[in-house]
mmCIF file of all heavy atoms, coordinates in Angstrom:
data_MODEL
# 
_entry.id   MODEL 
# 
loop_
_atom_site.group_PDB 
_atom_site.id 
_atom_site.type_symbol 
_atom_site.label_atom_id 
_atom_site.label_alt_id 
_atom_site.label_comp_id 
_atom_site.label_asym_id 
_atom_site.label_entity_id 
_atom_site.label_seq_id 
_atom_site.pdbx_PDB_ins_code 
_atom_site.Cartn_x 
_atom_site.Cartn_y 
_atom_site.Cartn_z 
_atom_site.occupancy 
_atom_site.B_iso_or_equiv 
_atom_site.pdbx_formal_charge 
_atom_site.auth_seq_id 
_atom_site.auth_comp_id 
_atom_site.auth_asym_id 
_atom_site.auth_atom_id 
_atom_site.pdbx_PDB_model_num 
ATOM 1   N N   . SER A 1 1  ? -112.915 -49.350 53.074 1.00 0.00 ? 1  SER A N   1 
ATOM 2   C CA  . SER A 1 1  ? -112.640 -49.990 51.789 1.00 0.00 ? 1  SER A CA  1 
ATOM 3   C C   . SER A 1 1  ? -111.432 -50.907 51.835 1.00 0.00 ? 1  SER A C   1 
ATOM 4   O O   . SER A 1 1  ? -111.065 -51.501 50.821 1.00 0.00 ? 1  SER A O   1 
ATOM 5   C CB  . SER A 1 1  ? -112.425 -48.924 50.720 1.00 0.00 ? 1  SER A CB  1 
ATOM 6   O OG  . SER A 1 1  ? -111.345 -48.083 51.067 1.00 0.00 ? 1  SER A OG  1 
ATOM 7   N N   . GLY A 1 2  ? -110.777 -51.006 53.021 1.00 0.00 ? 2  GLY A N   1 
ATOM 8   C CA  . GLY A 1 2  ? -109.684 -51.948 53.173 1.00 0.00 ? 2  GLY A CA  1 
ATOM 9   C C   . GLY A 1 2  ? -108.290 -51.359 53.057 1.00 0.00 ? 2  GLY A C   1 
ATOM 10  O O   . GLY A 1 2  ? -107.302 -52.102 53.076 1.00 0.00 ? 2  GLY A O   1 
ATOM 11  N N   . TYR A 1 3  ? -108.187 -50.056 52.969 1.00 0.00 ? 3  TYR A N   1 
ATOM 12  C CA  . TYR A 1 3  ? -106.873 -49.421 52.881 1.00 0.00 ? 3  TYR A CA  1 
ATOM 13  C C   . TYR A 1 3  ? -106.339 -49.187 54.281 1.00 0.00 ? 3  TYR A C   1 
ATOM 14  O O   . TYR A 1 3  ? -107.042 -48.671 55.145 1.00 0.00 ? 3  TYR A O   1 
ATOM 15  C CB  . TYR A 1 3  ? -106.988 -48.096 52.133 1.00 0.00 ? 3  TYR A CB  1 
ATOM 16  C CG  . TYR A 1 3  ? -105.681 -47.392 51.936 1.00 0.00 ? 3  TYR A CG  1 
ATOM 17  C CD1 . TYR A 1 3  ? -104.793 -47.791 50.939 1.00 0.00 ? 3  TYR A CD1 1 
ATOM 18  C CD2 . TYR A 1 3  ? -105.313 -46.327 52.750 1.00 0.00 ? 3  TYR A CD2 1 
ATOM 19  C CE1 . TYR A 1 3  ? -103.582 -47.143 50.762 1.00 0.00 ? 3  TYR A CE1 1 
ATOM 20  C CE2 . TYR A 1 3  ? -104.115 -45.673 52.586 1.00 0.00 ? 3  TYR A CE2 1 
ATOM 21  C CZ  . TYR A 1 3  ? -103.249 -46.074 51.595 1.00 0.00 ? 3  TYR A CZ  1 
ATOM 22  O OH  . TYR A 1 3  ? -102.052 -45.430 51.431 1.00 0.00 ? 3  TYR A OH  1 
ATOM 23  N N   . SER A 1 4  ? -105.076 -49.558 54.504 1.00 0.00 ? 4  SER A N   1 
ATOM 24  C CA  . SER A 1 4  ? -104.504 -49.426 55.840 1.00 0.00 ? 4  SER A CA  1 
ATOM 25  C C   . SER A 1 4  ? -103.433 -48.337 55.904 1.00 0.00 ? 4  SER A C   1 
ATOM 26  O O   . SER A 1 4  ? -102.708 -48.111 54.930 1.00 0.00 ? 4  SER A O   1 
ATOM 27  C CB  . SER A 1 4  ? -103.918 -50.750 56.315 1.00 0.00 ? 4  SER A CB  1 
ATOM 28  O OG  . SER A 1 4  ? -102.855 -51.152 55.490 1.00 0.00 ? 4  SER A OG  1 
ATOM 29  N N   . THR A 1 5  ? -103.369 -47.702 57.037 1.00 0.00 ? 5  THR A N   1 
ATOM 30  C CA  . THR A 1 5  ? -102.335 -46.721 57.360 1.00 0.00 ? 5  THR A CA  1 
ATOM 31  C C   . THR A 1 5  ? -101.718 -47.140 58.684 1.00 0.00 ? 5  THR A C   1 
ATOM 32  O O   . THR A 1 5  ? -102.434 -47.340 59.662 1.00 0.00 ? 5  THR A O   1 
ATOM 33  C CB  . THR A 1 5  ? -102.943 -45.313 57.508 1.00 0.00 ? 5  THR A CB  1 
ATOM 34  O OG1 . THR A 1 5  ? -103.653 -44.971 56.320 1.00 0.00 ? 5  THR A OG1 1 
ATOM 35  C CG2 . THR A 1 5  ? -101.853 -44.281 57.759 1.00 0.00 ? 5  THR A CG2 1 
ATOM 36  N N   . ILE A 1 6  ? -100.396 -47.294 58.696 1.00 0.00 ? 6  ILE A N   1 
ATOM 37  C CA  . ILE A 1 6  ? -99.705  -47.838 59.861 1.00 0.00 ? 6  ILE A CA  1 
ATOM 38  C C   . ILE A 1 6  ? -98.660  -46.831 60.340 1.00 0.00 ? 6  ILE A C   1 
ATOM 39  O O   . ILE A 1 6  ? -97.889  -46.292 59.536 1.00 0.00 ? 6  ILE A O   1 
ATOM 40  C CB  . ILE A 1 6  ? -98.992  -49.165 59.532 1.00 0.00 ? 6  ILE A CB  1 
ATOM 41  C CG1 . ILE A 1 6  ? -99.926  -50.143 58.826 1.00 0.00 ? 6  ILE A CG1 1 
ATOM 42  C CG2 . ILE A 1 6  ? -98.403  -49.779 60.808 1.00 0.00 ? 6  ILE A CG2 1 
ATOM 43  C CD1 . ILE A 1 6  ? -100.981 -50.760 59.690 1.00 0.00 ? 6  ILE A CD1 1 
ATOM 44  N N   . ARG A 1 7  ? -98.602  -46.637 61.644 1.00 0.00 ? 7  ARG A N   1 
ATOM 45  C CA  . ARG A 1 7  ? -97.594  -45.746 62.234 1.00 0.00 ? 7  ARG A CA  1 
ATOM 46  C C   . ARG A 1 7  ? -96.199  -46.298 61.948 1.00 0.00 ? 7  ARG A C   1 
ATOM 47  O O   . ARG A 1 7  ? -95.974  -47.516 61.979 1.00 0.00 ? 7  ARG A O   1 
ATOM 48  C CB  . ARG A 1 7  ? -97.830  -45.689 63.735 1.00 0.00 ? 7  ARG A CB  1 
ATOM 49  C CG  . ARG A 1 7  ? -96.941  -44.763 64.515 1.00 0.00 ? 7  ARG A CG  1 
ATOM 50  C CD  . ARG A 1 7  ? -97.219  -44.866 66.006 1.00 0.00 ? 7  ARG A CD  1 
ATOM 51  N NE  . ARG A 1 7  ? -96.465  -43.862 66.753 1.00 0.00 ? 7  ARG A NE  1 
ATOM 52  C CZ  . ARG A 1 7  ? -96.942  -42.668 67.046 1.00 0.00 ? 7  ARG A CZ  1 
ATOM 53  N NH1 . ARG A 1 7  ? -98.168  -42.340 66.682 1.00 0.00 ? 7  ARG A NH1 1 
ATOM 54  N NH2 . ARG A 1 7  ? -96.211  -41.790 67.713 1.00 0.00 ? 7  ARG A NH2 1 
ATOM 55  N N   . ASP A 1 8  ? -95.243  -45.418 61.670 1.00 0.00 ? 8  ASP A N   1 
ATOM 56  C CA  . ASP A 1 8  ? -93.897  -45.859 61.271 1.00 0.00 ? 8  ASP A CA  1 
ATOM 57  C C   . ASP A 1 8  ? -93.255  -46.787 62.297 1.00 0.00 ? 8  ASP A C   1 
ATOM 58  O O   . ASP A 1 8  ? -92.556  -47.739 61.924 1.00 0.00 ? 8  ASP A O   1 
ATOM 59  C CB  . ASP A 1 8  ? -92.995  -44.645 61.047 1.00 0.00 ? 8  ASP A CB  1 
ATOM 60  C CG  . ASP A 1 8  ? -93.271  -43.949 59.732 1.00 0.00 ? 8  ASP A CG  1 
ATOM 61  O OD1 . ASP A 1 8  ? -93.991  -44.528 58.895 1.00 0.00 ? 8  ASP A OD1 1 
ATOM 62  O OD2 . ASP A 1 8  ? -92.772  -42.828 59.537 1.00 0.00 ? 8  ASP A OD2 1 
ATOM 63  N N   . SER A 1 9  ? -93.471  -46.529 63.576 1.00 0.00 ? 9  SER A N   1 
ATOM 64  C CA  . SER A 1 9  ? -92.784  -47.306 64.610 1.00 0.00 ? 9  SER A CA  1 
ATOM 65  C C   . SER A 1 9  ? -93.245  -48.763 64.670 1.00 0.00 ? 9  SER A C   1 
ATOM 66  O O   . SER A 1 9  ? -92.567  -49.602 65.258 1.00 0.00 ? 9  SER A O   1 
ATOM 67  C CB  . SER A 1 9  ? -92.965  -46.653 65.973 1.00 0.00 ? 9  SER A CB  1 
ATOM 68  O OG  . SER A 1 9  ? -94.324  -46.599 66.337 1.00 0.00 ? 9  SER A OG  1 
ATOM 69  N N   . VAL A 1 10 ? -94.366  -49.068 64.060 1.00 0.00 ? 10 VAL A N   1 
ATOM 70  C CA  . VAL A 1 10 ? -94.857  -50.449 64.074 1.00 0.00 ? 10 VAL A CA  1 
ATOM 71  C C   . VAL A 1 10 ? -95.028  -51.010 62.678 1.00 0.00 ? 10 VAL A C   1 
ATOM 72  O O   . VAL A 1 10 ? -95.444  -52.165 62.513 1.00 0.00 ? 10 VAL A O   1 
ATOM 73  C CB  . VAL A 1 10 ? -96.183  -50.566 64.866 1.00 0.00 ? 10 VAL A CB  1 
ATOM 74  C CG1 . VAL A 1 10 ? -96.018  -50.047 66.284 1.00 0.00 ? 10 VAL A CG1 1 
ATOM 75  C CG2 . VAL A 1 10 ? -97.310  -49.853 64.154 1.00 0.00 ? 10 VAL A CG2 1 
ATOM 76  N N   . LYS A 1 11 ? -94.711  -50.221 61.681 1.00 0.00 ? 11 LYS A N   1 
ATOM 77  C CA  . LYS A 1 11 ? -94.858  -50.669 60.298 1.00 0.00 ? 11 LYS A CA  1 
ATOM 78  C C   . LYS A 1 11 ? -93.957  -51.884 60.048 1.00 0.00 ? 11 LYS A C   1 
ATOM 79  O O   . LYS A 1 11 ? -92.810  -51.925 60.465 1.00 0.00 ? 11 LYS A O   1 
ATOM 80  C CB  . LYS A 1 11 ? -94.500  -49.520 59.349 1.00 0.00 ? 11 LYS A CB  1 
ATOM 81  C CG  . LYS A 1 11 ? -94.929  -49.738 57.916 1.00 0.00 ? 11 LYS A CG  1 
ATOM 82  C CD  . LYS A 1 11 ? -94.708  -48.481 57.100 1.00 0.00 ? 11 LYS A CD  1 
ATOM 83  C CE  . LYS A 1 11 ? -95.639  -47.370 57.514 1.00 0.00 ? 11 LYS A CE  1 
ATOM 84  N NZ  . LYS A 1 11 ? -95.502  -46.163 56.651 1.00 0.00 ? 11 LYS A NZ  1 
ATOM 85  N N   . GLY A 1 12 ? -94.512  -52.868 59.361 1.00 0.00 ? 12 GLY A N   1 
ATOM 86  C CA  . GLY A 1 12 ? -93.763  -54.092 59.109 1.00 0.00 ? 12 GLY A CA  1 
ATOM 87  C C   . GLY A 1 12 ? -93.917  -55.132 60.209 1.00 0.00 ? 12 GLY A C   1 
ATOM 88  O O   . GLY A 1 12 ? -93.542  -56.289 60.029 1.00 0.00 ? 12 GLY A O   1 
ATOM 89  N N   . ARG A 1 13 ? -94.464  -54.719 61.342 1.00 0.00 ? 13 ARG A N   1 
ATOM 90  C CA  . ARG A 1 13 ? -94.671  -55.657 62.463 1.00 0.00 ? 13 ARG A CA  1 
ATOM 91  C C   . ARG A 1 13 ? -96.158  -55.831 62.796 1.00 0.00 ? 13 ARG A C   1 
ATOM 92  O O   . ARG A 1 13 ? -96.571  -56.910 63.232 1.00 0.00 ? 13 ARG A O   1 
ATOM 93  C CB  . ARG A 1 13 ? -93.950  -55.140 63.718 1.00 0.00 ? 13 ARG A CB  1 
ATOM 94  C CG  . ARG A 1 13 ? -92.456  -54.984 63.535 1.00 0.00 ? 13 ARG A CG  1 
ATOM 95  C CD  . ARG A 1 13 ? -91.754  -54.694 64.858 1.00 0.00 ? 13 ARG A CD  1 
ATOM 96  N NE  . ARG A 1 13 ? -92.160  -53.414 65.433 1.00 0.00 ? 13 ARG A NE  1 
ATOM 97  C CZ  . ARG A 1 13 ? -92.723  -53.272 66.627 1.00 0.00 ? 13 ARG A CZ  1 
ATOM 98  N NH1 . ARG A 1 13 ? -92.965  -54.340 67.389 1.00 0.00 ? 13 ARG A NH1 1 
ATOM 99  N NH2 . ARG A 1 13 ? -93.036  -52.065 67.103 1.00 0.00 ? 13 ARG A NH2 1 
ATOM 100 N N   . PHE A 1 14 ? -96.934  -54.807 62.605 1.00 0.00 ? 14 PHE A N   1 
ATOM 101 C CA  . PHE A 1 14 ? -98.362  -54.831 62.926 1.00 0.00 ? 14 PHE A CA  1 
ATOM 102 C C   . PHE A 1 14 ? -99.186  -54.790 61.642 1.00 0.00 ? 14 PHE A C   1 
ATOM 103 O O   . PHE A 1 14 ? -98.846  -54.047 60.703 1.00 0.00 ? 14 PHE A O   1 
ATOM 104 C CB  . PHE A 1 14 ? -98.753  -53.626 63.776 1.00 0.00 ? 14 PHE A CB  1 
ATOM 105 C CG  . PHE A 1 14 ? -98.220  -53.597 65.187 1.00 0.00 ? 14 PHE A CG  1 
ATOM 106 C CD1 . PHE A 1 14 ? -97.252  -54.484 65.619 1.00 0.00 ? 14 PHE A CD1 1 
ATOM 107 C CD2 . PHE A 1 14 ? -98.710  -52.672 66.084 1.00 0.00 ? 14 PHE A CD2 1 
ATOM 108 C CE1 . PHE A 1 14 ? -96.758  -54.449 66.918 1.00 0.00 ? 14 PHE A CE1 1 
ATOM 109 C CE2 . PHE A 1 14 ? -98.230  -52.607 67.394 1.00 0.00 ? 14 PHE A CE2 1 
ATOM 110 C CZ  . PHE A 1 14 ? -97.258  -53.495 67.809 1.00 0.00 ? 14 PHE A CZ  1 
ATOM 111 N N   . THR A 1 15 ? -100.230 -55.575 61.603 1.00 0.00 ? 15 THR A N   1 
ATOM 112 C CA  . THR A 1 15 ? -101.174 -55.525 60.492 1.00 0.00 ? 15 THR A CA  1 
ATOM 113 C C   . THR A 1 15 ? -102.600 -55.499 61.034 1.00 0.00 ? 15 THR A C   1 
ATOM 114 O O   . THR A 1 15 ? -102.822 -55.770 62.229 1.00 0.00 ? 15 THR A O   1 
ATOM 115 C CB  . THR A 1 15 ? -101.001 -56.725 59.548 1.00 0.00 ? 15 THR A CB  1 
ATOM 116 O OG1 . THR A 1 15 ? -101.185 -57.940 60.302 1.00 0.00 ? 15 THR A OG1 1 
ATOM 117 C CG2 . THR A 1 15 ? -99.634  -56.741 58.899 1.00 0.00 ? 15 THR A CG2 1 
ATOM 118 N N   . LEU A 1 16 ? -103.524 -55.194 60.147 1.00 0.00 ? 16 LEU A N   1 
ATOM 119 C CA  . LEU A 1 16 ? -104.923 -55.016 60.535 1.00 0.00 ? 16 LEU A CA  1 
ATOM 120 C C   . LEU A 1 16 ? -105.814 -55.943 59.738 1.00 0.00 ? 16 LEU A C   1 
ATOM 121 O O   . LEU A 1 16 ? -105.506 -56.302 58.596 1.00 0.00 ? 16 LEU A O   1 
ATOM 122 C CB  . LEU A 1 16 ? -105.354 -53.571 60.264 1.00 0.00 ? 16 LEU A CB  1 
ATOM 123 C CG  . LEU A 1 16 ? -104.557 -52.475 60.938 1.00 0.00 ? 16 LEU A CG  1 
ATOM 124 C CD1 . LEU A 1 16 ? -104.884 -51.131 60.315 1.00 0.00 ? 16 LEU A CD1 1 
ATOM 125 C CD2 . LEU A 1 16 ? -104.855 -52.457 62.415 1.00 0.00 ? 16 LEU A CD2 1 
ATOM 126 N N   . SER A 1 17 ? -106.931 -56.296 60.343 1.00 0.00 ? 17 SER A N   1 
ATOM 127 C CA  . SER A 1 17 ? -107.965 -56.997 59.599 1.00 0.00 ? 17 SER A CA  1 
ATOM 128 C C   . SER A 1 17 ? -109.316 -56.667 60.234 1.00 0.00 ? 17 SER A C   1 
ATOM 129 O O   . SER A 1 17 ? -109.377 -56.206 61.375 1.00 0.00 ? 17 SER A O   1 
ATOM 130 C CB  . SER A 1 17 ? -107.721 -58.507 59.590 1.00 0.00 ? 17 SER A CB  1 
ATOM 131 O OG  . SER A 1 17 ? -107.835 -59.052 60.893 1.00 0.00 ? 17 SER A OG  1 
ATOM 132 N N   . ARG A 1 18 ? -110.348 -56.897 59.491 1.00 0.00 ? 18 ARG A N   1 
ATOM 133 C CA  . ARG A 1 18 ? -111.685 -56.676 60.017 1.00 0.00 ? 18 ARG A CA  1 
ATOM 134 C C   . ARG A 1 18 ? -112.624 -57.748 59.500 1.00 0.00 ? 18 ARG A C   1 
ATOM 135 O O   . ARG A 1 18 ? -112.407 -58.280 58.404 1.00 0.00 ? 18 ARG A O   1 
ATOM 136 C CB  . ARG A 1 18 ? -112.193 -55.277 59.677 1.00 0.00 ? 18 ARG A CB  1 
ATOM 137 C CG  . ARG A 1 18 ? -112.374 -55.001 58.198 1.00 0.00 ? 18 ARG A CG  1 
ATOM 138 C CD  . ARG A 1 18 ? -112.529 -53.501 57.920 1.00 0.00 ? 18 ARG A CD  1 
ATOM 139 N NE  . ARG A 1 18 ? -113.704 -52.938 58.559 1.00 0.00 ? 18 ARG A NE  1 
ATOM 140 C CZ  . ARG A 1 18 ? -113.907 -51.635 58.714 1.00 0.00 ? 18 ARG A CZ  1 
ATOM 141 N NH1 . ARG A 1 18 ? -113.026 -50.757 58.290 1.00 0.00 ? 18 ARG A NH1 1 
ATOM 142 N NH2 . ARG A 1 18 ? -115.010 -51.194 59.297 1.00 0.00 ? 18 ARG A NH2 1 
ATOM 143 N N   . ASP A 1 19 ? -113.629 -58.069 60.277 1.00 0.00 ? 19 ASP A N   1 
ATOM 144 C CA  . ASP A 1 19 ? -114.658 -59.012 59.882 1.00 0.00 ? 19 ASP A CA  1 
ATOM 145 C C   . ASP A 1 19 ? -115.984 -58.292 60.084 1.00 0.00 ? 19 ASP A C   1 
ATOM 146 O O   . ASP A 1 19 ? -116.548 -58.292 61.183 1.00 0.00 ? 19 ASP A O   1 
ATOM 147 C CB  . ASP A 1 19 ? -114.574 -60.286 60.725 1.00 0.00 ? 19 ASP A CB  1 
ATOM 148 C CG  . ASP A 1 19 ? -115.540 -61.360 60.265 1.00 0.00 ? 19 ASP A CG  1 
ATOM 149 O OD1 . ASP A 1 19 ? -116.540 -61.029 59.586 1.00 0.00 ? 19 ASP A OD1 1 
ATOM 150 O OD2 . ASP A 1 19 ? -115.313 -62.537 60.587 1.00 0.00 ? 19 ASP A OD2 1 
ATOM 151 N N   . ASN A 1 20 ? -116.470 -57.688 59.029 1.00 0.00 ? 20 ASN A N   1 
ATOM 152 C CA  . ASN A 1 20 ? -117.696 -56.881 59.163 1.00 0.00 ? 20 ASN A CA  1 
ATOM 153 C C   . ASN A 1 20 ? -118.902 -57.746 59.520 1.00 0.00 ? 20 ASN A C   1 
ATOM 154 O O   . ASN A 1 20 ? -119.818 -57.279 60.193 1.00 0.00 ? 20 ASN A O   1 
ATOM 155 C CB  . ASN A 1 20 ? -117.951 -56.110 57.877 1.00 0.00 ? 20 ASN A CB  1 
ATOM 156 C CG  . ASN A 1 20 ? -116.944 -54.981 57.664 1.00 0.00 ? 20 ASN A CG  1 
ATOM 157 O OD1 . ASN A 1 20 ? -116.410 -54.438 58.619 1.00 0.00 ? 20 ASN A OD1 1 
ATOM 158 N ND2 . ASN A 1 20 ? -116.691 -54.653 56.406 1.00 0.00 ? 20 ASN A ND2 1 
ATOM 159 N N   . ALA A 1 21 ? -118.898 -58.983 59.106 1.00 0.00 ? 21 ALA A N   1 
ATOM 160 C CA  . ALA A 1 21 ? -120.020 -59.869 59.428 1.00 0.00 ? 21 ALA A CA  1 
ATOM 161 C C   . ALA A 1 21 ? -120.121 -60.108 60.933 1.00 0.00 ? 21 ALA A C   1 
ATOM 162 O O   . ALA A 1 21 ? -121.216 -60.289 61.468 1.00 0.00 ? 21 ALA A O   1 
ATOM 163 C CB  . ALA A 1 21 ? -119.876 -61.189 58.693 1.00 0.00 ? 21 ALA A CB  1 
ATOM 164 N N   . LYS A 1 22 ? -118.963 -60.107 61.601 1.00 0.00 ? 22 LYS A N   1 
ATOM 165 C CA  . LYS A 1 22 ? -118.939 -60.318 63.047 1.00 0.00 ? 22 LYS A CA  1 
ATOM 166 C C   . LYS A 1 22 ? -118.772 -59.010 63.813 1.00 0.00 ? 22 LYS A C   1 
ATOM 167 O O   . LYS A 1 22 ? -118.696 -59.009 65.038 1.00 0.00 ? 22 LYS A O   1 
ATOM 168 C CB  . LYS A 1 22 ? -117.805 -61.274 63.427 1.00 0.00 ? 22 LYS A CB  1 
ATOM 169 C CG  . LYS A 1 22 ? -117.977 -62.680 62.872 1.00 0.00 ? 22 LYS A CG  1 
ATOM 170 C CD  . LYS A 1 22 ? -116.846 -63.588 63.320 1.00 0.00 ? 22 LYS A CD  1 
ATOM 171 C CE  . LYS A 1 22 ? -117.055 -65.005 62.789 1.00 0.00 ? 22 LYS A CE  1 
ATOM 172 N NZ  . LYS A 1 22 ? -115.954 -65.912 63.182 1.00 0.00 ? 22 LYS A NZ  1 
ATOM 173 N N   . ASN A 1 23 ? -118.720 -57.907 63.075 1.00 0.00 ? 23 ASN A N   1 
ATOM 174 C CA  . ASN A 1 23 ? -118.545 -56.589 63.690 1.00 0.00 ? 23 ASN A CA  1 
ATOM 175 C C   . ASN A 1 23 ? -117.285 -56.520 64.558 1.00 0.00 ? 23 ASN A C   1 
ATOM 176 O O   . ASN A 1 23 ? -117.276 -55.968 65.656 1.00 0.00 ? 23 ASN A O   1 
ATOM 177 C CB  . ASN A 1 23 ? -119.770 -56.217 64.535 1.00 0.00 ? 23 ASN A CB  1 
ATOM 178 C CG  . ASN A 1 23 ? -120.257 -54.797 64.253 1.00 0.00 ? 23 ASN A CG  1 
ATOM 179 O OD1 . ASN A 1 23 ? -120.093 -54.282 63.156 1.00 0.00 ? 23 ASN A OD1 1 
ATOM 180 N ND2 . ASN A 1 23 ? -120.867 -54.182 65.247 1.00 0.00 ? 23 ASN A ND2 1 
ATOM 181 N N   . THR A 1 24 ? -116.204 -57.105 64.032 1.00 0.00 ? 24 THR A N   1 
ATOM 182 C CA  . THR A 1 24 ? -114.943 -57.137 64.769 1.00 0.00 ? 24 THR A CA  1 
ATOM 183 C C   . THR A 1 24 ? -113.814 -56.561 63.935 1.00 0.00 ? 24 THR A C   1 
ATOM 184 O O   . THR A 1 24 ? -113.879 -56.511 62.699 1.00 0.00 ? 24 THR A O   1 
ATOM 185 C CB  . THR A 1 24 ? -114.576 -58.569 65.197 1.00 0.00 ? 24 THR A CB  1 
ATOM 186 O OG1 . THR A 1 24 ? -114.520 -59.399 64.030 1.00 0.00 ? 24 THR A OG1 1 
ATOM 187 C CG2 . THR A 1 24 ? -115.587 -59.134 66.169 1.00 0.00 ? 24 THR A CG2 1 
# 
């Protein structure tokens, strides 16, 4: 549904995205 959970050591530096149409 688009909710992200990020490990503390990378929070603020790493982000996520997905493209379901391309299965990536």
